[in-house]
Amino acid sequence: MPEITREILRLESPDHGLGLLGRLAHAATAEYLGAPPESPAFHLGFNTLPDPPCPMSSQMCHARDTLDGWLGSGQDLRTFLEVGVESVRAHPLPDPASFDDYTRLIHHLNRSDALAMVWRARIIQPAQSVAAWTLTADLLAGRAQAGDLTPNVCEAVLITVAVDRAGVTLLGYAPSGGTEDDIIVAEASGSAMDDVAPSLLDLLHAHHAWTTAAFADAPPESASLAQARQRVHEAMTEAPK
């Protein structure tokens, strides 16, 4: 996961009354409306916690292809995330001398505070029809097959879990063919995310620790950092409300 190549975008999505983490959960979900990811996709949130190194919160879709890891884990979210954590921790640190000034600056202004994971799923509403009730019973009895999850009894949806380093967890949902108005973001509750959220938080902590170790010994020149902060402050001051 340390490899990052996508564009950094300012967090301007609706927050659903849940602050900057709510904005991240919405933005990550909206990315896949109409085109669900083949495997879990990750979005990093920068400067979403108090006292950020830069006053602008932002997000970025992580570029790494996760399909092989997803299939290799048997499409089990907990296993998939645990393997990801170990991979990040084992990723070798680069030589600080290999960073140019721009790379140092970007990493010092963008502190990784949050992480959202989006994947496609299907939900069943047993009371919707006899077929849906029967499929639910078969699933509970272990008799259902993958081919039984047909569109007439299962709704294709996007599920997003977003966590930050303060330990907050949010859950996002949208029908995969819906619009941004259909996105729901709320505080996670119940046992559904008990296995997922802690592992996702471990992945965020591992990524934060890796980037801190990789760039702590290679800070940008103080003058460049001060100038960059001033430019961001001026841009935000001039931005329309």
Protein backbone atom coordinates (compact mmCIF):
# COMPACT_ATOMS: atom_id res chain seq x y z
CA MET A 1 0.00 0.00 0.00
CA PRO A 2 2.84 2.56 0.35
CA GLU A 3 2.79 3.18 -3.42
CA ILE A 4 0.64 6.25 -4.14
CA THR A 5 0.22 7.70 -7.60
CA ARG A 6 -3.30 9.15 -7.87
CA GLU A 7 -4.29 12.82 -7.77
CA ILE A 8 -4.89 14.46 -4.39
CA LEU A 9 -8.35 16.07 -4.29
CA ARG A 10 -9.78 18.54 -1.82
CA LEU A 11 -12.52 17.06 0.39
CA GLU A 12 -15.64 18.96 -0.64
CA SER A 13 -18.31 16.24 -0.41
CA PRO A 14 -21.33 16.38 1.92
CA ASP A 15 -20.35 15.36 5.45
CA HIS A 16 -23.74 13.92 6.55
CA GLY A 17 -23.27 15.79 9.84
CA LEU A 18 -20.21 13.65 10.61
CA GLY A 19 -17.34 16.01 9.85
CA LEU A 20 -14.35 15.38 7.65
CA LEU A 21 -14.52 11.60 8.00
CA GLY A 22 -18.10 11.81 6.73
CA ARG A 23 -16.84 13.74 3.71
CA LEU A 24 -14.26 11.02 3.02
CA ALA A 25 -16.83 8.23 3.29
CA HIS A 26 -19.14 10.05 0.86
CA ALA A 27 -16.38 10.88 -1.64
CA ALA A 28 -15.06 7.31 -1.66
CA THR A 29 -18.53 5.84 -2.19
CA ALA A 30 -19.38 8.33 -4.96
CA GLU A 31 -16.29 7.29 -6.90
CA TYR A 32 -17.84 3.90 -7.76
CA LEU A 33 -21.49 4.71 -8.44
CA GLY A 34 -22.37 2.81 -11.60
CA ALA A 35 -19.00 1.04 -11.69
CA PRO A 36 -18.43 -1.05 -8.55
CA PRO A 37 -14.80 -2.07 -7.93
CA GLU A 38 -13.82 -5.65 -8.74
CA SER A 39 -12.03 -5.82 -5.39
CA PRO A 40 -11.91 -3.58 -2.30
CA ALA A 41 -10.68 -0.08 -3.15
CA PHE A 42 -8.94 2.28 -0.74
CA HIS A 43 -9.07 6.04 -0.31
CA LEU A 44 -6.67 7.87 1.99
CA GLY A 45 -7.86 10.94 3.89
CA PHE A 46 -5.33 13.65 4.67
CA ASN A 47 -5.44 16.27 7.43
CA THR A 48 -8.83 15.24 8.81
CA LEU A 49 -7.75 15.30 12.47
CA PRO A 50 -7.03 18.38 14.60
CA ASP A 51 -3.80 20.40 14.25
CA PRO A 52 -2.98 19.30 10.69
CA PRO A 53 0.31 20.29 9.01
CA CYS A 54 -1.78 21.95 6.29
CA PRO A 55 -5.23 23.56 6.71
CA MET A 56 -6.68 21.82 3.64
CA SER A 57 -8.22 18.36 4.10
CA SER A 58 -8.05 16.13 1.03
CA GLN A 59 -8.38 12.57 -0.21
CA MET A 60 -6.77 10.32 -2.75
CA CYS A 61 -7.74 7.02 -4.31
CA HIS A 62 -4.96 4.52 -3.76
CA ALA A 63 -3.65 3.19 -7.05
CA ARG A 64 -2.59 -0.34 -6.11
CA ASP A 65 -4.50 -3.19 -7.75
CA THR A 66 -5.94 -5.35 -4.97
CA LEU A 67 -7.64 -8.03 -7.08
CA ASP A 68 -4.95 -10.71 -6.67
CA GLY A 69 -4.88 -10.21 -2.91
CA TRP A 70 -8.66 -10.25 -2.76
CA LEU A 71 -8.93 -13.53 -4.65
CA GLY A 72 -5.98 -15.00 -2.76
CA SER A 73 -7.70 -14.30 0.56
CA GLY A 74 -10.80 -16.19 -0.56
CA GLN A 75 -12.66 -12.85 -0.67
CA ASP A 76 -12.67 -12.78 3.12
CA LEU A 77 -12.37 -9.15 4.27
CA ARG A 78 -10.64 -9.84 7.57
CA THR A 79 -8.00 -12.08 5.98
CA PHE A 80 -7.54 -9.65 3.11
CA LEU A 81 -6.90 -6.74 5.50
CA GLU A 82 -4.61 -8.72 7.79
CA VAL A 83 -2.43 -9.69 4.83
CA GLY A 84 -2.40 -6.03 3.77
CA VAL A 85 -1.19 -4.91 7.19
CA GLU A 86 1.68 -7.37 7.12
CA SER A 87 2.58 -6.30 3.59
CA VAL A 88 2.80 -2.63 4.57
CA ARG A 89 4.87 -3.38 7.67
CA ALA A 90 7.29 -5.49 5.61
CA HIS A 91 7.60 -2.93 2.80
CA PRO A 92 11.22 -1.70 2.72
CA LEU A 93 11.89 1.95 3.48
CA PRO A 94 13.37 3.95 0.60
CA ASP A 95 16.64 5.86 0.74
CA PRO A 96 15.80 9.42 1.99
CA ALA A 97 18.26 10.80 -0.55
CA SER A 98 16.05 9.52 -3.35
CA PHE A 99 13.31 12.07 -2.61
CA ASP A 100 13.17 15.37 -4.46
CA ASP A 101 11.98 18.56 -2.74
CA TYR A 102 8.47 18.30 -4.20
CA THR A 103 7.97 14.76 -2.86
CA ARG A 104 9.17 15.79 0.59
CA LEU A 105 6.83 18.76 0.57
CA ILE A 106 3.78 16.76 -0.47
CA HIS A 107 4.27 14.18 2.26
CA HIS A 108 4.83 16.77 4.95
CA LEU A 109 1.73 18.74 4.02
CA ASN A 110 -0.51 15.67 3.70
CA ARG A 111 -0.73 13.70 6.93
CA SER A 112 -2.56 10.37 6.54
CA ASP A 113 -5.31 10.60 9.14
CA ALA A 114 -8.09 8.43 7.70
CA LEU A 115 -8.76 5.49 5.43
CA ALA A 116 -11.91 4.40 3.58
CA MET A 117 -12.46 1.01 1.96
CA VAL A 118 -15.18 0.48 -0.65
CA TRP A 119 -16.34 -2.85 -2.02
CA ARG A 120 -19.35 -4.24 -3.82
CA ALA A 121 -21.83 -6.50 -2.10
CA ARG A 122 -25.36 -7.83 -2.40
CA ILE A 123 -28.11 -7.45 0.15
CA ILE A 124 -31.21 -9.56 0.54
CA GLN A 125 -34.50 -8.36 2.00
CA PRO A 126 -36.27 -11.59 3.04
CA ALA A 127 -39.68 -9.93 3.28
CA GLN A 128 -39.51 -8.65 -0.28
CA SER A 129 -40.57 -11.90 -1.96
CA VAL A 130 -40.86 -15.65 -1.48
CA ALA A 131 -37.68 -16.12 -3.54
CA ALA A 132 -35.76 -13.73 -1.30
CA TRP A 133 -37.05 -15.48 1.83
CA THR A 134 -36.08 -18.88 0.42
CA LEU A 135 -32.58 -17.68 -0.50
CA THR A 136 -32.11 -16.25 3.00
CA ALA A 137 -33.06 -19.59 4.50
CA ASP A 138 -30.68 -21.41 2.17
CA LEU A 139 -27.84 -19.05 3.07
CA LEU A 140 -28.40 -19.58 6.79
CA ALA A 141 -28.47 -23.34 6.23
CA GLY A 142 -25.33 -23.29 4.09
CA ARG A 143 -27.14 -24.60 1.04
CA ALA A 144 -26.90 -21.53 -1.23
CA GLN A 145 -24.46 -21.36 -4.14
CA ALA A 146 -22.88 -18.31 -5.77
CA GLY A 147 -25.20 -18.70 -8.77
CA ASP A 148 -28.23 -18.31 -6.49
CA LEU A 149 -27.39 -14.64 -5.82
CA THR A 150 -29.32 -13.35 -8.81
CA PRO A 151 -30.50 -9.73 -9.31
CA ASN A 152 -34.16 -10.62 -8.79
CA VAL A 153 -33.49 -11.54 -5.14
CA CYS A 154 -30.31 -9.57 -4.34
CA GLU A 155 -29.68 -5.85 -4.67
CA ALA A 156 -26.19 -4.80 -5.80
CA VAL A 157 -24.82 -2.17 -3.41
CA LEU A 158 -21.66 -0.34 -2.47
CA ILE A 159 -20.45 -0.63 1.12
CA THR A 160 -17.86 1.76 2.56
CA VAL A 161 -16.12 1.61 5.91
CA ALA A 162 -14.13 4.69 6.91
CA VAL A 163 -11.89 4.96 9.97
CA ASP A 164 -9.57 7.60 11.36
CA ARG A 165 -6.63 7.41 13.73
CA ALA A 166 -8.81 8.72 16.55
CA GLY A 167 -10.78 5.46 16.35
CA VAL A 168 -13.99 6.78 14.76
CA THR A 169 -15.72 4.38 12.35
CA LEU A 170 -18.36 5.32 9.77
CA LEU A 171 -20.37 3.14 7.43
CA GLY A 172 -21.42 4.27 3.94
CA TYR A 173 -24.00 2.68 1.65
CA ALA A 174 -25.41 3.28 -1.83
CA PRO A 175 -27.12 1.24 -4.54
CA SER A 176 -24.43 0.61 -7.13
CA GLY A 177 -26.49 2.20 -9.90
CA GLY A 178 -27.64 5.13 -7.78
CA THR A 179 -26.65 8.78 -7.56
CA GLU A 180 -24.88 10.81 -4.90
CA ASP A 181 -28.26 11.68 -3.43
CA ASP A 182 -28.69 7.97 -2.60
CA ILE A 183 -25.51 7.78 -0.52
CA ILE A 184 -26.07 7.20 3.18
CA VAL A 185 -23.27 7.68 5.74
CA ALA A 186 -23.75 6.96 9.43
CA GLU A 187 -21.86 5.92 12.51
CA ALA A 188 -21.09 2.21 12.42
CA SER A 189 -22.92 0.10 14.97
CA GLY A 190 -23.67 -3.53 15.61
CA SER A 191 -21.56 -6.59 14.95
CA ALA A 192 -21.48 -6.33 11.14
CA MET A 193 -18.25 -4.29 11.14
CA ASP A 194 -16.64 -5.78 14.26
CA ASP A 195 -14.19 -7.84 12.20
CA VAL A 196 -13.60 -5.24 9.50
CA ALA A 197 -13.15 -1.88 11.22
CA PRO A 198 -10.32 -2.92 13.62
CA SER A 199 -8.36 -4.50 10.77
CA LEU A 200 -8.90 -1.43 8.58
CA LEU A 201 -7.68 0.75 11.46
CA ASP A 202 -4.58 -1.46 11.79
CA LEU A 203 -3.93 -0.89 8.08
CA LEU A 204 -4.25 2.88 8.52
CA HIS A 205 -1.86 2.86 11.48
CA ALA A 206 0.62 0.72 9.53
CA HIS A 207 0.48 3.09 6.55
CA HIS A 208 0.88 6.16 8.78
CA ALA A 209 3.85 4.58 10.56
CA TRP A 210 5.49 3.68 7.24
CA THR A 211 5.15 7.15 5.73
CA THR A 212 6.34 8.78 8.96
CA ALA A 213 9.42 6.55 9.04
CA ALA A 214 10.08 7.05 5.33
CA PHE A 215 9.92 10.85 5.36
CA ALA A 216 10.78 11.94 8.91
CA ASP A 217 14.50 12.05 8.07
CA ALA A 218 13.96 13.93 4.81
CA PRO A 219 11.96 17.09 5.59
CA PRO A 220 11.66 19.85 3.01
CA GLU A 221 13.52 23.09 3.57
CA SER A 222 11.69 25.19 6.16
CA ALA A 223 11.41 28.13 3.76
CA SER A 224 9.71 25.95 1.10
CA LEU A 225 7.34 24.51 3.69
CA ALA A 226 6.39 27.96 4.99
CA GLN A 227 5.75 29.25 1.48
CA ALA A 228 3.59 26.25 0.61
CA ARG A 229 1.49 26.66 3.75
CA GLN A 230 1.02 30.34 2.98
CA ARG A 231 -0.14 29.55 -0.56
CA VAL A 232 -2.68 27.02 0.75
CA HIS A 233 -3.93 29.51 3.35
CA GLU A 234 -4.39 32.19 0.70
CA ALA A 235 -6.19 29.78 -1.63
CA MET A 236 -8.63 28.76 1.11
CA THR A 237 -9.21 32.38 2.16
CA GLU A 238 -10.04 33.36 -1.41
CA ALA A 239 -12.19 30.29 -2.12
CA PRO A 240 -15.96 30.91 -2.33
CA LYS A 241 -17.90 29.89 0.74
